[in-house]
Amino acid sequence: MKGKAAFVVGAGVGYLLGTPAGREQLARVKGWAADVWADPRVQGYVRDAEEKASQVARTQGVALKDRAVAAARARFTDGTTTSWQQPDPADADPAARI
C-alpha cells in the first residue's frame, strides 16, 4: 500500500513540475496560498499563536531547564562528587607520580 501511495505522490509531483499545465497549476496554488497567508484573519491567528507560544515559553522555560539539568546530572553522575569538583592532591605535584 505504501508503494502505491508513493507512486501516486511521485506521479503528481512529476506532473506539476514536468508539464506546462502542471507548472501553471502549481503557480495558481502558490498564488492562492499567498492570498490566504496575507488575509488579515489568518494573520490574526498567527499573532495569537505567536503570543501563546511566547507565553508558554516564559512560564515553562525555567521549569523545563531545571528538569533538563536534573536529568543530565542523574544520567552522567552517580551521586558522588567528580574529579573536576575536587582535584586529586597527587595532580598538584607531578613529581609525586614517579
PDB file of N, CA and C in Angstrom:
ATOM      1  N   MET A   1       0.817  -1.197   0.000  1.00  0.00           N
ATOM      2  CA  MET A   1       0.000   0.000   0.000  1.00  0.00           C
ATOM      3  C   MET A   1       0.865   1.267   0.000  1.00  0.00           C
ATOM      4  N   LYS A   2       1.986   1.230   0.753  1.00  0.00           N
ATOM      5  CA  LYS A   2       2.877   2.388   0.781  1.00  0.00           C
ATOM      6  C   LYS A   2       3.476   2.641  -0.597  1.00  0.00           C
ATOM      7  N   GLY A   3       3.762   1.565  -1.314  1.00  0.00           N
ATOM      8  CA  GLY A   3       4.336   1.709  -2.646  1.00  0.00           C
ATOM      9  C   GLY A   3       3.388   2.400  -3.603  1.00  0.00           C
ATOM     10  N   LYS A   4       2.101   2.071  -3.502  1.00  0.00           N
ATOM     11  CA  LYS A   4       1.104   2.711  -4.370  1.00  0.00           C
ATOM     12  C   LYS A   4       0.970   4.190  -4.038  1.00  0.00           C
ATOM     13  N   ALA A   5       0.946   4.499  -2.746  1.00  0.00           N
ATOM     14  CA  ALA A   5       0.824   5.898  -2.338  1.00  0.00           C
ATOM     15  C   ALA A   5       2.044   6.692  -2.800  1.00  0.00           C
ATOM     16  N   ALA A   6       3.221   6.106  -2.656  1.00  0.00           N
ATOM     17  CA  ALA A   6       4.439   6.790  -3.094  1.00  0.00           C
ATOM     18  C   ALA A   6       4.423   7.006  -4.600  1.00  0.00           C
ATOM     19  N   PHE A   7       3.920   6.030  -5.334  1.00  0.00           N
ATOM     20  CA  PHE A   7       3.835   6.176  -6.787  1.00  0.00           C
ATOM     21  C   PHE A   7       2.897   7.317  -7.161  1.00  0.00           C
ATOM     22  N   VAL A   8       1.737   7.381  -6.508  1.00  0.00           N
ATOM     23  CA  VAL A   8       0.760   8.432  -6.817  1.00  0.00           C
ATOM     24  C   VAL A   8       1.345   9.805  -6.484  1.00  0.00           C
ATOM     25  N   VAL A   9       2.004   9.918  -5.338  1.00  0.00           N
ATOM     26  CA  VAL A   9       2.614  11.197  -4.964  1.00  0.00           C
ATOM     27  C   VAL A   9       3.705  11.567  -5.960  1.00  0.00           C
ATOM     28  N   GLY A  10       4.532  10.598  -6.326  1.00  0.00           N
ATOM     29  CA  GLY A  10       5.594  10.861  -7.297  1.00  0.00           C
ATOM     30  C   GLY A  10       5.051  11.275  -8.647  1.00  0.00           C
ATOM     31  N   ALA A  11       3.972  10.615  -9.079  1.00  0.00           N
ATOM     32  CA  ALA A  11       3.363  10.977 -10.359  1.00  0.00           C
ATOM     33  C   ALA A  11       2.797  12.393 -10.306  1.00  0.00           C
ATOM     34  N   GLY A  12       2.185  12.747  -9.181  1.00  0.00           N
ATOM     35  CA  GLY A  12       1.639  14.097  -9.036  1.00  0.00           C
ATOM     36  C   GLY A  12       2.721  15.157  -9.063  1.00  0.00           C
ATOM     37  N   VAL A  13       3.807  14.906  -8.356  1.00  0.00           N
ATOM     38  CA  VAL A  13       4.922  15.862  -8.346  1.00  0.00           C
ATOM     39  C   VAL A  13       5.538  15.959  -9.736  1.00  0.00           C
ATOM     40  N   GLY A  14       5.686  14.823 -10.394  1.00  0.00           N
ATOM     41  CA  GLY A  14       6.225  14.831 -11.755  1.00  0.00           C
ATOM     42  C   GLY A  14       5.349  15.624 -12.703  1.00  0.00           C
ATOM     43  N   TYR A  15       4.036  15.478 -12.556  1.00  0.00           N
ATOM     44  CA  TYR A  15       3.106  16.233 -13.403  1.00  0.00           C
ATOM     45  C   TYR A  15       3.249  17.727 -13.137  1.00  0.00           C
ATOM     46  N   LEU A  16       3.267  18.096 -11.842  1.00  0.00           N
ATOM     47  CA  LEU A  16       3.332  19.517 -11.504  1.00  0.00           C
ATOM     48  C   LEU A  16       4.622  20.167 -11.989  1.00  0.00           C
ATOM     49  N   LEU A  17       5.715  19.448 -11.890  1.00  0.00           N
ATOM     50  CA  LEU A  17       6.996  20.046 -12.248  1.00  0.00           C
ATOM     51  C   LEU A  17       7.392  19.804 -13.696  1.00  0.00           C
ATOM     52  N   GLY A  18       6.823  18.789 -14.318  1.00  0.00           N
ATOM     53  CA  GLY A  18       7.307  18.390 -15.632  1.00  0.00           C
ATOM     54  C   GLY A  18       6.484  18.848 -16.811  1.00  0.00           C
ATOM     55  N   THR A  19       5.282  19.303 -16.582  1.00  0.00           N
ATOM     56  CA  THR A  19       4.451  19.710 -17.714  1.00  0.00           C
ATOM     57  C   THR A  19       4.091  21.185 -17.588  1.00  0.00           C
ATOM     58  N   PRO A  20       3.879  21.841 -18.712  1.00  0.00           N
ATOM     59  CA  PRO A  20       3.469  23.250 -18.645  1.00  0.00           C
ATOM     60  C   PRO A  20       2.156  23.434 -17.885  1.00  0.00           C
ATOM     61  N   ALA A  21       1.206  22.524 -18.105  1.00  0.00           N
ATOM     62  CA  ALA A  21      -0.071  22.633 -17.396  1.00  0.00           C
ATOM     63  C   ALA A  21       0.136  22.444 -15.893  1.00  0.00           C
ATOM     64  N   GLY A  22       1.036  21.543 -15.538  1.00  0.00           N
ATOM     65  CA  GLY A  22       1.323  21.319 -14.125  1.00  0.00           C
ATOM     66  C   GLY A  22       1.973  22.526 -13.483  1.00  0.00           C
ATOM     67  N   ARG A  23       2.906  23.139 -14.195  1.00  0.00           N
ATOM     68  CA  ARG A  23       3.554  24.338 -13.656  1.00  0.00           C
ATOM     69  C   ARG A  23       2.547  25.475 -13.516  1.00  0.00           C
ATOM     70  N   GLU A  24       1.616  25.565 -14.451  1.00  0.00           N
ATOM     71  CA  GLU A  24       0.570  26.588 -14.360  1.00  0.00           C
ATOM     72  C   GLU A  24      -0.306  26.337 -13.133  1.00  0.00           C
ATOM     73  N   GLN A  25      -0.669  25.078 -12.918  1.00  0.00           N
ATOM     74  CA  GLN A  25      -1.481  24.723 -11.755  1.00  0.00           C
ATOM     75  C   GLN A  25      -0.720  25.025 -10.460  1.00  0.00           C
ATOM     76  N   LEU A  26       0.566  24.708 -10.441  1.00  0.00           N
ATOM     77  CA  LEU A  26       1.388  24.987  -9.270  1.00  0.00           C
ATOM     78  C   LEU A  26       1.458  26.488  -9.003  1.00  0.00           C
ATOM     79  N   ALA A  27       1.565  27.283 -10.049  1.00  0.00           N
ATOM     80  CA  ALA A  27       1.591  28.738  -9.888  1.00  0.00           C
ATOM     81  C   ALA A  27       0.275  29.238  -9.308  1.00  0.00           C
ATOM     82  N   ARG A  28      -0.838  28.647  -9.741  1.00  0.00           N
ATOM     83  CA  ARG A  28      -2.142  29.037  -9.190  1.00  0.00           C
ATOM     84  C   ARG A  28      -2.231  28.693  -7.705  1.00  0.00           C
ATOM     85  N   VAL A  29      -1.752  27.501  -7.353  1.00  0.00           N
ATOM     86  CA  VAL A  29      -1.802  27.083  -5.949  1.00  0.00           C
ATOM     87  C   VAL A  29      -0.919  27.990  -5.096  1.00  0.00           C
ATOM     88  N   LYS A  30       0.267  28.334  -5.600  1.00  0.00           N
ATOM     89  CA  LYS A  30       1.150  29.231  -4.861  1.00  0.00           C
ATOM     90  C   LYS A  30       0.505  30.607  -4.679  1.00  0.00           C
ATOM     91  N   GLY A  31      -0.170  31.100  -5.707  1.00  0.00           N
ATOM     92  CA  GLY A  31      -0.857  32.380  -5.601  1.00  0.00           C
ATOM     93  C   GLY A  31      -1.981  32.334  -4.582  1.00  0.00           C
ATOM     94  N   TRP A  32      -2.737  31.236  -4.601  1.00  0.00           N
ATOM     95  CA  TRP A  32      -3.824  31.064  -3.639  1.00  0.00           C
ATOM     96  C   TRP A  32      -3.265  31.023  -2.216  1.00  0.00           C
ATOM     97  N   ALA A  33      -2.158  30.284  -2.023  1.00  0.00           N
ATOM     98  CA  ALA A  33      -1.552  30.184  -0.694  1.00  0.00           C
ATOM     99  C   ALA A  33      -1.064  31.551  -0.219  1.00  0.00           C
ATOM    100  N   ALA A  34      -0.488  32.340  -1.112  1.00  0.00           N
ATOM    101  CA  ALA A  34      -0.024  33.678  -0.745  1.00  0.00           C
ATOM    102  C   ALA A  34      -1.200  34.567  -0.358  1.00  0.00           C
ATOM    103  N   ASP A  35      -2.314  34.456  -1.091  1.00  0.00           N
ATOM    104  CA  ASP A  35      -3.505  35.239  -0.761  1.00  0.00           C
ATOM    105  C   ASP A  35      -4.049  34.859   0.610  1.00  0.00           C
ATOM    106  N   VAL A  36      -4.097  33.566   0.884  1.00  0.00           N
ATOM    107  CA  VAL A  36      -4.601  33.101   2.179  1.00  0.00           C
ATOM    108  C   VAL A  36      -3.686  33.597   3.290  1.00  0.00           C
ATOM    109  N   TRP A  37      -2.370  33.497   3.094  1.00  0.00           N
ATOM    110  CA  TRP A  37      -1.423  33.922   4.116  1.00  0.00           C
ATOM    111  C   TRP A  37      -1.547  35.419   4.392  1.00  0.00           C
ATOM    112  N   ALA A  38      -1.849  36.213   3.376  1.00  0.00           N
ATOM    113  CA  ALA A  38      -1.956  37.663   3.535  1.00  0.00           C
ATOM    114  C   ALA A  38      -3.290  38.091   4.136  1.00  0.00           C
ATOM    115  N   ASP A  39      -4.238  37.188   4.249  1.00  0.00           N
ATOM    116  CA  ASP A  39      -5.559  37.505   4.800  1.00  0.00           C
ATOM    117  C   ASP A  39      -5.413  37.982   6.252  1.00  0.00           C
ATOM    118  N   PRO A  40      -6.040  39.100   6.607  1.00  0.00           N
ATOM    119  CA  PRO A  40      -5.921  39.619   7.976  1.00  0.00           C
ATOM    120  C   PRO A  40      -6.413  38.630   9.035  1.00  0.00           C
ATOM    121  N   ARG A  41      -7.427  37.837   8.705  1.00  0.00           N
ATOM    122  CA  ARG A  41      -7.912  36.854   9.683  1.00  0.00           C
ATOM    123  C   ARG A  41      -6.842  35.810   9.973  1.00  0.00           C
ATOM    124  N   VAL A  42      -6.161  35.351   8.926  1.00  0.00           N
ATOM    125  CA  VAL A  42      -5.097  34.362   9.112  1.00  0.00           C
ATOM    126  C   VAL A  42      -3.960  34.982   9.916  1.00  0.00           C
ATOM    127  N   GLN A  43      -3.596  36.204   9.609  1.00  0.00           N
ATOM    128  CA  GLN A  43      -2.525  36.863  10.345  1.00  0.00           C
ATOM    129  C   GLN A  43      -2.902  37.071  11.811  1.00  0.00           C
ATOM    130  N   GLY A  44      -4.198  37.281  12.076  1.00  0.00           N
ATOM    131  CA  GLY A  44      -4.654  37.367  13.465  1.00  0.00           C
ATOM    132  C   GLY A  44      -4.413  36.060  14.202  1.00  0.00           C
ATOM    133  N   TYR A  45      -4.717  34.942  13.546  1.00  0.00           N
ATOM    134  CA  TYR A  45      -4.458  33.632  14.154  1.00  0.00           C
ATOM    135  C   TYR A  45      -2.958  33.407  14.343  1.00  0.00           C
ATOM    136  N   VAL A  46      -2.169  33.873  13.393  1.00  0.00           N
ATOM    137  CA  VAL A  46      -0.713  33.728  13.506  1.00  0.00           C
ATOM    138  C   VAL A  46      -0.209  34.513  14.712  1.00  0.00           C
ATOM    139  N   ARG A  47      -0.680  35.746  14.881  1.00  0.00           N
ATOM    140  CA  ARG A  47      -0.270  36.553  16.033  1.00  0.00           C
ATOM    141  C   ARG A  47      -0.690  35.892  17.341  1.00  0.00           C
ATOM    142  N   ASP A  48      -1.923  35.360  17.378  1.00  0.00           N
ATOM    143  CA  ASP A  48      -2.392  34.680  18.585  1.00  0.00           C
ATOM    144  C   ASP A  48      -1.505  33.486  18.922  1.00  0.00           C
ATOM    145  N   ALA A  49      -1.137  32.720  17.906  1.00  0.00           N
ATOM    146  CA  ALA A  49      -0.283  31.545  18.130  1.00  0.00           C
ATOM    147  C   ALA A  49       1.101  31.968  18.607  1.00  0.00           C
ATOM    148  N   GLU A  50       1.645  33.043  18.035  1.00  0.00           N
ATOM    149  CA  GLU A  50       2.957  33.532  18.467  1.00  0.00           C
ATOM    150  C   GLU A  50       2.916  33.988  19.921  1.00  0.00           C
ATOM    151  N   GLU A  51       1.855  34.709  20.296  1.00  0.00           N
ATOM    152  CA  GLU A  51       1.728  35.182  21.672  1.00  0.00           C
ATOM    153  C   GLU A  51       1.595  34.015  22.640  1.00  0.00           C
ATOM    154  N   LYS A  52       0.803  33.017  22.265  1.00  0.00           N
ATOM    155  CA  LYS A  52       0.618  31.844  23.122  1.00  0.00           C
ATOM    156  C   LYS A  52       1.935  31.089  23.284  1.00  0.00           C
ATOM    157  N   ALA A  53       2.667  30.905  22.196  1.00  0.00           N
ATOM    158  CA  ALA A  53       3.952  30.210  22.266  1.00  0.00           C
ATOM    159  C   ALA A  53       4.934  30.982  23.137  1.00  0.00           C
ATOM    160  N   SER A  54       4.945  32.295  23.018  1.00  0.00           N
ATOM    161  CA  SER A  54       5.832  33.119  23.830  1.00  0.00           C
ATOM    162  C   SER A  54       5.460  33.018  25.304  1.00  0.00           C
ATOM    163  N   GLN A  55       4.169  33.034  25.591  1.00  0.00           N
ATOM    164  CA  GLN A  55       3.699  32.924  26.973  1.00  0.00           C
ATOM    165  C   GLN A  55       4.082  31.570  27.571  1.00  0.00           C
ATOM    166  N   VAL A  56       3.896  30.506  26.824  1.00  0.00           N
ATOM    167  CA  VAL A  56       4.252  29.170  27.310  1.00  0.00           C
ATOM    168  C   VAL A  56       5.756  29.084  27.538  1.00  0.00           C
ATOM    169  N   ALA A  57       6.532  29.652  26.634  1.00  0.00           N
ATOM    170  CA  ALA A  57       7.988  29.621  26.787  1.00  0.00           C
ATOM    171  C   ALA A  57       8.418  30.369  28.044  1.00  0.00           C
ATOM    172  N   ARG A  58       7.782  31.500  28.319  1.00  0.00           N
ATOM    173  CA  ARG A  58       8.131  32.257  29.523  1.00  0.00           C
ATOM    174  C   ARG A  58       7.754  31.499  30.789  1.00  0.00           C
ATOM    175  N   THR A  59       6.573  30.901  30.810  1.00  0.00           N
ATOM    176  CA  THR A  59       6.116  30.246  32.032  1.00  0.00           C
ATOM    177  C   THR A  59       6.744  28.877  32.236  1.00  0.00           C
ATOM    178  N   GLN A  60       7.018  28.166  31.169  1.00  0.00           N
ATOM    179  CA  GLN A  60       7.530  26.804  31.296  1.00  0.00           C
ATOM    180  C   GLN A  60       9.026  26.695  31.058  1.00  0.00           C
ATOM    181  N   GLY A  61       9.648  27.738  30.564  1.00  0.00           N
ATOM    182  CA  GLY A  61      11.064  27.667  30.214  1.00  0.00           C
ATOM    183  C   GLY A  61      11.962  27.316  31.383  1.00  0.00           C
ATOM    184  N   VAL A  62      11.762  27.973  32.520  1.00  0.00           N
ATOM    185  CA  VAL A  62      12.604  27.717  33.688  1.00  0.00           C
ATOM    186  C   VAL A  62      12.389  26.295  34.189  1.00  0.00           C
ATOM    187  N   ALA A  63      11.141  25.862  34.246  1.00  0.00           N
ATOM    188  CA  ALA A  63      10.854  24.505  34.716  1.00  0.00           C
ATOM    189  C   ALA A  63      11.470  23.467  33.785  1.00  0.00           C
ATOM    190  N   LEU A  64      11.388  23.695  32.496  1.00  0.00           N
ATOM    191  CA  LEU A  64      11.983  22.757  31.548  1.00  0.00           C
ATOM    192  C   LEU A  64      13.499  22.719  31.684  1.00  0.00           C
ATOM    193  N   LYS A  65      14.113  23.878  31.882  1.00  0.00           N
ATOM    194  CA  LYS A  65      15.563  23.923  32.062  1.00  0.00           C
ATOM    195  C   LYS A  65      15.967  23.165  33.315  1.00  0.00           C
ATOM    196  N   ASP A  66      15.244  23.380  34.409  1.00  0.00           N
ATOM    197  CA  ASP A  66      15.569  22.690  35.656  1.00  0.00           C
ATOM    198  C   ASP A  66      15.434  21.182  35.512  1.00  0.00           C
ATOM    199  N   ARG A  67      14.394  20.741  34.821  1.00  0.00           N
ATOM    200  CA  ARG A  67      14.213  19.303  34.617  1.00  0.00           C
ATOM    201  C   ARG A  67      15.307  18.729  33.729  1.00  0.00           C
ATOM    202  N   ALA A  68      15.724  19.482  32.720  1.00  0.00           N
ATOM    203  CA  ALA A  68      16.796  19.006  31.839  1.00  0.00           C
ATOM    204  C   ALA A  68      18.115  18.903  32.597  1.00  0.00           C
ATOM    205  N   VAL A  69      18.407  19.878  33.442  1.00  0.00           N
ATOM    206  CA  VAL A  69      19.640  19.843  34.230  1.00  0.00           C
ATOM    207  C   VAL A  69      19.612  18.665  35.191  1.00  0.00           C
ATOM    208  N   ALA A  70      18.482  18.451  35.856  1.00  0.00           N
ATOM    209  CA  ALA A  70      18.371  17.328  36.792  1.00  0.00           C
ATOM    210  C   ALA A  70      18.521  15.997  36.066  1.00  0.00           C
ATOM    211  N   ALA A  71      17.927  15.890  34.893  1.00  0.00           N
ATOM    212  CA  ALA A  71      18.037  14.645  34.125  1.00  0.00           C
ATOM    213  C   ALA A  71      19.475  14.409  33.682  1.00  0.00           C
ATOM    214  N   ALA A  72      20.159  15.464  33.262  1.00  0.00           N
ATOM    215  CA  ALA A  72      21.554  15.315  32.840  1.00  0.00           C
ATOM    216  C   ALA A  72      22.435  14.922  34.017  1.00  0.00           C
ATOM    217  N   ARG A  73      22.212  15.539  35.160  1.00  0.00           N
ATOM    218  CA  ARG A  73      23.003  15.172  36.341  1.00  0.00           C
ATOM    219  C   ARG A  73      22.761  13.716  36.724  1.00  0.00           C
ATOM    220  N   ALA A  74      21.504  13.309  36.694  1.00  0.00           N
ATOM    221  CA  ALA A  74      21.188  11.924  37.048  1.00  0.00           C
ATOM    222  C   ALA A  74      21.801  10.956  36.045  1.00  0.00           C
ATOM    223  N   ARG A  75      21.861  11.349  34.812  1.00  0.00           N
ATOM    224  CA  ARG A  75      22.372  10.461  33.765  1.00  0.00           C
ATOM    225  C   ARG A  75      23.888  10.343  33.810  1.00  0.00           C
ATOM    226  N   PHE A  76      24.576  11.435  34.068  1.00  0.00           N
ATOM    227  CA  PHE A  76      26.022  11.448  33.945  1.00  0.00           C
ATOM    228  C   PHE A  76      26.777  11.366  35.266  1.00  0.00           C
ATOM    229  N   THR A  77      26.086  11.334  36.370  1.00  0.00           N
ATOM    230  CA  THR A  77      26.756  11.164  37.658  1.00  0.00           C
ATOM    231  C   THR A  77      26.050  10.076  38.436  1.00  0.00           C
ATOM    232  N   ASP A  78      26.757   9.536  39.423  1.00  0.00           N
ATOM    233  CA  ASP A  78      26.137   8.516  40.262  1.00  0.00           C
ATOM    234  C   ASP A  78      25.829   9.059  41.649  1.00  0.00           C
ATOM    235  N   GLY A  79      25.826  10.365  41.791  1.00  0.00           N
ATOM    236  CA  GLY A  79      25.515  10.992  43.062  1.00  0.00           C
ATOM    237  C   GLY A  79      26.750  11.330  43.880  1.00  0.00           C
ATOM    238  N   THR A  80      27.915  10.878  43.475  1.00  0.00           N
ATOM    239  CA  THR A  80      29.147  11.201  44.184  1.00  0.00           C
ATOM    240  C   THR A  80      29.797  12.397  43.520  1.00  0.00           C
ATOM    241  N   THR A  81      30.775  12.969  44.193  1.00  0.00           N
ATOM    242  CA  THR A  81      31.483  14.093  43.588  1.00  0.00           C
ATOM    243  C   THR A  81      32.391  13.576  42.487  1.00  0.00           C
ATOM    244  N   THR A  82      32.694  14.421  41.575  1.00  0.00           N
ATOM    245  CA  THR A  82      33.550  14.043  40.460  1.00  0.00           C
ATOM    246  C   THR A  82      34.909  14.691  40.618  1.00  0.00           C
ATOM    247  N   SER A  83      35.873  14.220  39.848  1.00  0.00           N
ATOM    248  CA  SER A  83      37.236  14.721  39.966  1.00  0.00           C
ATOM    249  C   SER A  83      37.335  16.200  39.622  1.00  0.00           C
ATOM    250  N   TRP A  84      36.466  16.711  38.781  1.00  0.00           N
ATOM    251  CA  TRP A  84      36.551  18.123  38.436  1.00  0.00           C
ATOM    252  C   TRP A  84      36.017  18.992  39.560  1.00  0.00           C
ATOM    253  N   GLN A  85      35.266  18.394  40.499  1.00  0.00           N
ATOM    254  CA  GLN A  85      34.783  19.167  41.633  1.00  0.00           C
ATOM    255  C   GLN A  85      35.824  19.206  42.754  1.00  0.00           C
ATOM    256  N   GLN A  86      36.546  18.096  42.951  1.00  0.00           N
ATOM    257  CA  GLN A  86      37.572  18.035  43.980  1.00  0.00           C
ATOM    258  C   GLN A  86      38.847  17.489  43.347  1.00  0.00           C
ATOM    259  N   PRO A  87      39.828  18.345  43.090  1.00  0.00           N
ATOM    260  CA  PRO A  87      41.039  17.878  42.429  1.00  0.00           C
ATOM    261  C   PRO A  87      41.797  16.874  43.299  1.00  0.00           C
ATOM    262  N   ASP A  88      42.434  15.957  42.630  1.00  0.00           N
ATOM    263  CA  ASP A  88      43.255  14.952  43.295  1.00  0.00           C
ATOM    264  C   ASP A  88      44.546  15.620  43.758  1.00  0.00           C
ATOM    265  N   PRO A  89      44.910  15.480  45.043  1.00  0.00           N
ATOM    266  CA  PRO A  89      46.142  16.122  45.527  1.00  0.00           C
ATOM    267  C   PRO A  89      47.385  15.638  44.790  1.00  0.00           C
ATOM    268  N   ALA A  90      47.376  14.427  44.288  1.00  0.00           N
ATOM    269  CA  ALA A  90      48.542  13.914  43.562  1.00  0.00           C
ATOM    270  C   ALA A  90      48.778  14.690  42.272  1.00  0.00           C
ATOM    271  N   ASP A  91      47.746  15.288  41.723  1.00  0.00           N
ATOM    272  CA  ASP A  91      47.896  16.063  40.494  1.00  0.00           C
ATOM    273  C   ASP A  91      48.597  17.398  40.734  1.00  0.00           C
ATOM    274  N   ALA A  92      48.634  17.850  41.984  1.00  0.00           N
ATOM    275  CA  ALA A  92      49.248  19.139  42.279  1.00  0.00           C
ATOM    276  C   ALA A  92      50.761  19.090  42.093  1.00  0.00           C
ATOM    277  N   ASP A  93      51.376  17.943  42.369  1.00  0.00           N
ATOM    278  CA  ASP A  93      52.828  17.811  42.254  1.00  0.00           C
ATOM    279  C   ASP A  93      53.145  16.695  41.266  1.00  0.00           C
ATOM    280  N   PRO A  94      53.555  17.034  40.024  1.00  0.00           N
ATOM    281  CA  PRO A  94      53.846  15.994  39.039  1.00  0.00           C
ATOM    282  C   PRO A  94      54.932  15.039  39.489  1.00  0.00           C
ATOM    283  N   ALA A  95      55.864  15.478  40.348  1.00  0.00           N
ATOM    284  CA  ALA A  95      56.942  14.602  40.816  1.00  0.00           C
ATOM    285  C   ALA A  95      56.412  13.520  41.746  1.00  0.00           C
ATOM    286  N   ALA A  96      55.248  13.740  42.341  1.00  0.00           N
ATOM    287  CA  ALA A  96      54.687  12.761  43.269  1.00  0.00           C
ATOM    288  C   ALA A  96      54.219  11.512  42.542  1.00  0.00           C
ATOM    289  N   ARG A  97      54.031  11.579  41.258  1.00  0.00           N
ATOM    290  CA  ARG A  97      53.560  10.427  40.488  1.00  0.00           C
ATOM    291  C   ARG A  97      54.667   9.415  40.239  1.00  0.00           C
ATOM    292  N   ILE A  98      55.896   9.833  40.343  1.00  0.00           N
ATOM    293  CA  ILE A  98      57.019   8.946  39.997  1.00  0.00           C
ATOM    294  C   ILE A  98      57.329   7.990  41.115  1.00  0.00           C
TER     295      ILE A  98
END
